[in-house]
């Protein structure tokens, strides 16, 4: 039997909560930063910062030999991974944030967990479960509620392009992690190689767009924050929490604190009035994710 009051478990919970707090602020950081920089500038600066963070981690853990071996064995895969993330994923996601209120993009982005389960069937040859189909139905009903502003029967989408980009970003994210699964290896090494391969894509895009335009200080600070906390520190905190905890289920559900906390930060920092359609849609999306992961079923069996 595990002891939830042990020092290691208490440390794991604190680390996990710190990661959740970091992730809860990034939607607001995206929206605020995009007032001062373009989506391409934001992802470019943030990607460089995250690459430096991951490089420091690989150096600290002495994994450069592992990194060189991984590159020799799978360099073609890493070129594809770098195109997916950070280049295409964050460029599409930040463009969605540029077009839509942050409170709408945030819950739409959380549908990636259900989509990943569906894509795992053809890609990883996993079995399609009934709960996956139920989860998708519930989850994407929440998407319709948000996209239609709370009037799903009308099917009148306020910004089809923004909604489409937000949902497309989840497809890119799923493809990235499915490719990671095929490669295997350590997460810091894979992320560093992915970001190193993503930087040239970003450089080409900047040249194609007309070159680098120097952003104001506020844009720099926002992009650096995103690079540190969305792409770097939060991931490291979560990884440390998983390593410290004797049962990952003890901390895995803490991630569900992130969406409601994000809405609080969006209201306080961005100044958006949170709409009822957003709340209802987010509840449906989180309910769909809970069904997909079997959380509801386990909770009912305990009663």
Protein backbone atom coordinates (compact mmCIF):
# COMPACT_ATOMS: atom_id res chain seq x y z
CA UNK A 1 0.00 0.00 0.00
CA UNK A 2 1.30 3.44 -0.90
CA UNK A 3 1.52 6.27 1.59
CA UNK A 4 0.08 9.55 0.29
CA UNK A 5 1.67 11.42 3.19
CA UNK A 6 5.23 10.29 2.45
CA UNK A 7 7.75 13.07 1.69
CA UNK A 8 8.23 11.84 -1.90
CA UNK A 9 4.51 11.84 -2.61
CA UNK A 10 4.02 15.27 -1.03
CA UNK A 11 6.91 16.56 -3.16
CA UNK A 12 5.37 14.97 -6.27
CA UNK A 13 2.03 16.69 -5.62
CA UNK A 14 3.72 20.07 -5.11
CA UNK A 15 5.73 19.65 -8.32
CA UNK A 16 2.61 18.62 -10.23
CA UNK A 17 0.66 21.59 -8.88
CA UNK A 18 3.50 23.91 -9.91
CA UNK A 19 3.37 22.46 -13.44
CA UNK A 20 -0.42 22.88 -13.56
CA UNK A 21 -0.07 26.49 -12.39
CA UNK A 22 2.44 27.16 -15.18
CA UNK A 23 0.17 25.63 -17.81
CA UNK A 24 -2.79 27.58 -16.45
CA UNK A 25 -1.12 30.91 -17.23
CA UNK A 26 0.03 30.25 -20.78
CA UNK A 27 -3.31 30.86 -22.54
CA UNK A 28 -3.31 34.35 -21.06
CA UNK A 29 0.35 34.75 -21.98
CA UNK A 30 -0.42 33.76 -25.58
CA UNK A 31 -3.21 36.29 -25.91
CA UNK A 32 -1.32 39.15 -24.23
CA UNK A 33 1.88 38.48 -26.19
CA UNK A 34 0.01 38.49 -29.51
CA UNK A 35 -0.87 42.13 -28.91
CA UNK A 36 2.82 42.96 -29.45
CA UNK A 37 4.17 40.25 -31.77
CA UNK A 38 2.93 38.18 -34.70
CA UNK A 39 2.23 34.44 -34.25
CA UNK A 40 5.43 33.65 -36.19
CA UNK A 41 7.54 35.96 -34.02
CA UNK A 42 6.02 34.50 -30.86
CA UNK A 43 6.73 30.89 -31.79
CA UNK A 44 10.23 31.74 -33.06
CA UNK A 45 11.40 33.47 -29.87
CA UNK A 46 9.68 30.91 -27.62
CA UNK A 47 11.21 28.01 -29.58
CA UNK A 48 14.74 29.40 -29.18
CA UNK A 49 14.19 29.83 -25.42
CA UNK A 50 12.79 26.31 -25.08
CA UNK A 51 15.69 24.87 -27.10
CA UNK A 52 18.14 26.48 -24.65
CA UNK A 53 16.18 25.07 -21.70
CA UNK A 54 16.14 21.55 -23.14
CA UNK A 55 19.82 21.84 -24.04
CA UNK A 56 20.59 22.70 -20.42
CA UNK A 57 18.58 19.66 -19.27
CA UNK A 58 20.37 17.30 -21.65
CA UNK A 59 23.71 18.73 -20.51
CA UNK A 60 22.81 18.38 -16.82
CA UNK A 61 21.72 14.76 -17.33
CA UNK A 62 24.75 13.93 -19.49
CA UNK A 63 22.65 12.75 -22.45
CA UNK A 64 24.62 14.22 -25.36
CA UNK A 65 25.93 10.78 -26.34
CA UNK A 66 22.36 9.47 -26.32
CA UNK A 67 21.31 12.47 -28.40
CA UNK A 68 23.97 11.83 -31.07
CA UNK A 69 22.97 8.16 -31.27
CA UNK A 70 19.29 9.04 -31.55
CA UNK A 71 20.03 11.50 -34.36
CA UNK A 72 22.07 8.97 -36.33
CA UNK A 73 19.33 6.36 -36.03
CA UNK A 74 16.26 8.53 -36.63
CA UNK A 75 17.30 11.84 -38.21
CA UNK A 76 14.56 11.66 -40.86
CA UNK A 77 11.93 11.23 -38.14
CA UNK A 78 13.30 14.21 -36.23
CA UNK A 79 13.05 16.43 -39.31
CA UNK A 80 9.36 15.52 -39.43
CA UNK A 81 8.96 16.03 -35.70
CA UNK A 82 10.57 19.47 -35.91
CA UNK A 83 8.17 20.44 -38.67
CA UNK A 84 5.21 19.34 -36.51
CA UNK A 85 6.46 20.90 -33.28
CA UNK A 86 7.45 23.65 -32.70
CA UNK A 87 6.99 24.98 -36.24
CA UNK A 88 3.51 24.02 -37.47
CA UNK A 89 1.75 23.26 -34.18
CA UNK A 90 2.52 26.51 -32.40
CA UNK A 91 2.18 28.62 -35.56
CA UNK A 92 -1.34 27.25 -36.11
CA UNK A 93 -2.23 27.45 -32.40
CA UNK A 94 -1.01 31.04 -32.01
CA UNK A 95 -2.87 32.07 -35.16
CA UNK A 96 -6.04 30.61 -33.63
CA UNK A 97 -5.40 32.63 -30.46
CA UNK A 98 -4.91 35.68 -32.65
CA UNK A 99 -8.33 35.14 -34.27
CA UNK A 100 -10.43 33.91 -31.33
CA UNK A 101 -10.90 34.85 -27.68
CA UNK A 102 -8.52 32.89 -25.46
CA UNK A 103 -11.46 31.35 -23.59
CA UNK A 104 -12.57 29.62 -26.81
CA UNK A 105 -9.21 28.30 -28.02
CA UNK A 106 -8.28 26.94 -24.58
CA UNK A 107 -11.02 24.27 -24.31
CA UNK A 108 -10.85 23.41 -28.01
CA UNK A 109 -7.16 22.61 -27.56
CA UNK A 110 -8.00 20.09 -24.81
CA UNK A 111 -9.75 17.82 -27.31
CA UNK A 112 -6.36 16.44 -28.38
CA UNK A 113 -6.53 13.65 -25.75
CA UNK A 114 -9.68 12.15 -27.27
CA UNK A 115 -8.39 12.62 -30.82
CA UNK A 116 -5.13 10.89 -29.87
CA UNK A 117 -7.08 7.81 -28.74
CA UNK A 118 -8.96 7.72 -32.06
CA UNK A 119 -5.79 8.14 -34.16
CA UNK A 120 -4.01 5.42 -32.16
CA UNK A 121 -6.34 2.87 -33.72
CA UNK A 122 -5.02 3.13 -37.32
CA UNK A 123 -1.51 4.36 -36.47
CA UNK A 124 -0.56 2.18 -33.48
CA UNK A 125 -3.02 -0.65 -34.30
CA UNK A 126 -4.75 -0.24 -30.96
CA UNK A 127 -8.29 -1.46 -30.42
CA UNK A 128 -11.16 1.04 -30.74
CA UNK A 129 -13.16 0.96 -27.52
CA UNK A 130 -16.79 1.94 -27.01
CA UNK A 131 -15.69 4.51 -24.43
CA UNK A 132 -13.51 6.18 -27.08
CA UNK A 133 -16.52 6.70 -29.34
CA UNK A 134 -18.68 7.96 -26.44
CA UNK A 135 -15.87 10.27 -25.35
CA UNK A 136 -15.53 11.69 -28.88
CA UNK A 137 -19.28 12.32 -29.10
CA UNK A 138 -19.37 14.11 -25.74
CA UNK A 139 -16.15 16.00 -26.35
CA UNK A 140 -17.01 17.32 -29.78
CA UNK A 141 -20.52 18.29 -28.68
CA UNK A 142 -18.68 20.67 -26.35
CA UNK A 143 -16.72 21.97 -29.35
CA UNK A 144 -19.98 22.73 -31.17
CA UNK A 145 -21.37 24.56 -28.12
CA UNK A 146 -18.28 26.78 -27.92
CA UNK A 147 -17.97 27.34 -31.67
CA UNK A 148 -21.62 28.39 -32.01
CA UNK A 149 -21.61 30.64 -28.95
CA UNK A 150 -24.06 28.43 -27.06
CA UNK A 151 -26.54 27.85 -29.91
CA UNK A 152 -25.54 24.45 -31.31
CA UNK A 153 -28.82 23.87 -33.16
CA UNK A 154 -28.24 26.93 -35.33
CA UNK A 155 -24.80 25.68 -36.41
CA UNK A 156 -23.81 29.31 -36.96
CA UNK A 157 -20.05 29.40 -36.39
CA UNK A 158 -18.84 32.87 -35.40
CA UNK A 159 -15.29 32.35 -36.73
CA UNK A 160 -14.96 29.10 -38.71
CA UNK A 161 -11.30 29.75 -39.59
CA UNK A 162 -10.29 30.30 -35.96
CA UNK A 163 -12.19 27.22 -34.78
CA UNK A 164 -10.76 25.16 -37.64
CA UNK A 165 -7.20 26.21 -36.81
CA UNK A 166 -7.69 25.46 -33.10
CA UNK A 167 -8.93 21.95 -33.93
CA UNK A 168 -6.24 21.45 -36.60
CA UNK A 169 -3.62 22.23 -33.95
CA UNK A 170 -4.86 19.24 -31.93
CA UNK A 171 -4.36 17.00 -34.97
CA UNK A 172 -0.79 18.25 -35.38
CA UNK A 173 -0.09 17.70 -31.66
CA UNK A 174 -1.42 14.13 -31.85
CA UNK A 175 0.72 13.38 -34.90
CA UNK A 176 3.75 14.72 -33.03
CA UNK A 177 3.23 12.42 -30.05
CA UNK A 178 2.40 9.43 -32.22
CA UNK A 179 5.69 9.95 -34.06
CA UNK A 180 7.43 10.21 -30.69
CA UNK A 181 5.90 6.90 -29.68
CA UNK A 182 7.26 5.24 -32.80
CA UNK A 183 10.77 6.54 -32.09
CA UNK A 184 10.93 5.87 -28.33
CA UNK A 185 13.83 7.17 -26.25
CA UNK A 186 13.95 9.86 -23.57
CA UNK A 187 11.63 12.87 -23.68
CA UNK A 188 14.32 15.58 -23.18
CA UNK A 189 16.44 14.17 -26.02
CA UNK A 190 13.46 13.87 -28.37
CA UNK A 191 12.22 17.37 -27.55
CA UNK A 192 15.65 18.95 -27.98
CA UNK A 193 16.19 17.27 -31.36
CA UNK A 194 12.67 18.22 -32.44
CA UNK A 195 13.20 21.85 -31.53
CA UNK A 196 16.64 21.94 -33.16
CA UNK A 197 15.03 20.62 -36.35
CA UNK A 198 12.14 23.04 -36.00
CA UNK A 199 14.30 26.18 -35.85
CA UNK A 200 15.33 26.04 -39.56
CA UNK A 201 11.65 25.76 -40.56
CA UNK A 202 10.95 28.88 -38.52
CA UNK A 203 13.93 30.70 -40.07
CA UNK A 204 12.68 29.92 -43.59
CA UNK A 205 9.19 31.13 -42.68
CA UNK A 206 10.62 34.39 -41.30
CA UNK A 207 12.60 34.98 -44.50
CA UNK A 208 9.55 34.18 -46.61
CA UNK A 209 7.46 36.60 -44.53
CA UNK A 210 9.94 39.40 -45.20
CA UNK A 211 12.61 39.00 -42.53
CA UNK A 212 12.83 39.66 -38.83
CA UNK A 213 10.94 42.64 -37.40
CA UNK A 214 12.28 43.65 -33.98
CA UNK A 215 9.41 43.39 -31.47
CA UNK A 216 8.86 45.74 -28.51
CA UNK A 217 10.06 44.79 -25.02
CA UNK A 218 6.61 43.56 -24.00
CA UNK A 219 6.65 41.15 -26.95
CA UNK A 220 10.07 39.82 -25.96
CA UNK A 221 9.01 39.29 -22.34
CA UNK A 222 5.81 37.50 -23.35
CA UNK A 223 7.57 35.23 -25.84
CA UNK A 224 10.33 34.38 -23.36
CA UNK A 225 7.69 33.54 -20.75
CA UNK A 226 5.94 31.23 -23.22
CA UNK A 227 9.21 29.54 -24.13
CA UNK A 228 10.15 29.02 -20.48
CA UNK A 229 6.83 27.92 -19.02
CA UNK A 230 4.74 26.43 -21.87
CA UNK A 231 7.53 24.58 -23.64
CA UNK A 232 10.15 24.13 -20.94
CA UNK A 233 9.79 24.47 -17.17
CA UNK A 234 6.24 23.10 -16.92
CA UNK A 235 7.26 19.94 -18.75
CA UNK A 236 10.29 19.50 -16.49
CA UNK A 237 8.20 20.00 -13.35
CA UNK A 238 5.66 17.44 -14.52
CA UNK A 239 8.39 14.95 -15.42
CA UNK A 240 9.97 15.40 -11.97
CA UNK A 241 6.56 14.87 -10.34
CA UNK A 242 6.05 11.61 -12.21
CA UNK A 243 9.50 10.42 -11.15
CA UNK A 244 8.96 11.33 -7.48
CA UNK A 245 5.51 9.77 -7.15
CA UNK A 246 5.05 6.05 -6.45
CA UNK A 247 1.71 6.01 -8.32
CA UNK A 248 1.15 8.23 -11.35
CA UNK A 249 -2.63 8.06 -10.86
CA UNK A 250 -2.09 10.06 -7.66
CA UNK A 251 -1.10 13.16 -9.62
CA UNK A 252 -2.44 12.56 -13.15
CA UNK A 253 -5.89 13.94 -12.34
CA UNK A 254 -4.38 17.22 -11.15
CA UNK A 255 -4.12 18.25 -14.81
CA UNK A 256 -7.90 18.79 -14.73
CA UNK A 257 -7.30 21.82 -12.52
CA UNK A 258 -5.62 23.61 -15.41
CA UNK A 259 -8.67 24.52 -17.60
CA UNK A 260 -10.75 26.22 -14.86
CA UNK A 261 -7.65 27.97 -13.50
CA UNK A 262 -6.85 29.12 -17.04
CA UNK A 263 -10.30 30.68 -17.35
CA UNK A 264 -9.72 32.57 -14.09
CA UNK A 265 -6.41 33.94 -15.40
CA UNK A 266 -8.00 34.81 -18.76
CA UNK A 267 -10.69 36.81 -16.96
CA UNK A 268 -8.23 38.54 -14.62
CA UNK A 269 -5.23 39.12 -16.91
CA UNK A 270 -6.73 39.32 -20.41
CA UNK A 271 -9.96 40.96 -19.31
CA UNK A 272 -12.32 38.62 -21.20
CA UNK A 273 -15.80 38.09 -19.81
CA UNK A 274 -16.18 34.33 -19.57
CA UNK A 275 -19.28 33.27 -21.49
CA UNK A 276 -21.68 30.54 -20.31
CA UNK A 277 -21.17 28.76 -23.65
CA UNK A 278 -17.46 28.49 -22.85
CA UNK A 279 -18.15 26.98 -19.42
CA UNK A 280 -20.71 24.48 -20.75
CA UNK A 281 -18.46 23.52 -23.66
CA UNK A 282 -15.43 23.12 -21.40
CA UNK A 283 -17.40 20.89 -19.01
CA UNK A 284 -18.47 18.67 -21.92
CA UNK A 285 -14.91 18.48 -23.27
CA UNK A 286 -13.47 17.60 -19.86
CA UNK A 287 -16.28 15.06 -19.37
CA UNK A 288 -15.37 13.48 -22.73
CA UNK A 289 -11.69 13.29 -21.74
CA UNK A 290 -12.67 11.73 -18.39
CA UNK A 291 -14.77 9.09 -20.18
CA UNK A 292 -11.94 8.34 -22.59
CA UNK A 293 -9.45 7.82 -19.75
CA UNK A 294 -11.87 5.70 -17.74
CA UNK A 295 -11.91 8.13 -14.82
CA UNK A 296 -15.70 8.19 -14.53
CA UNK A 297 -15.93 4.40 -14.71
CA UNK A 298 -13.36 3.97 -11.93
CA UNK A 299 -15.12 6.57 -9.79
CA UNK A 300 -18.48 4.81 -10.19
CA UNK A 301 -17.00 1.41 -9.37
CA UNK A 302 -15.63 2.79 -6.09
CA UNK A 303 -19.09 3.88 -4.94
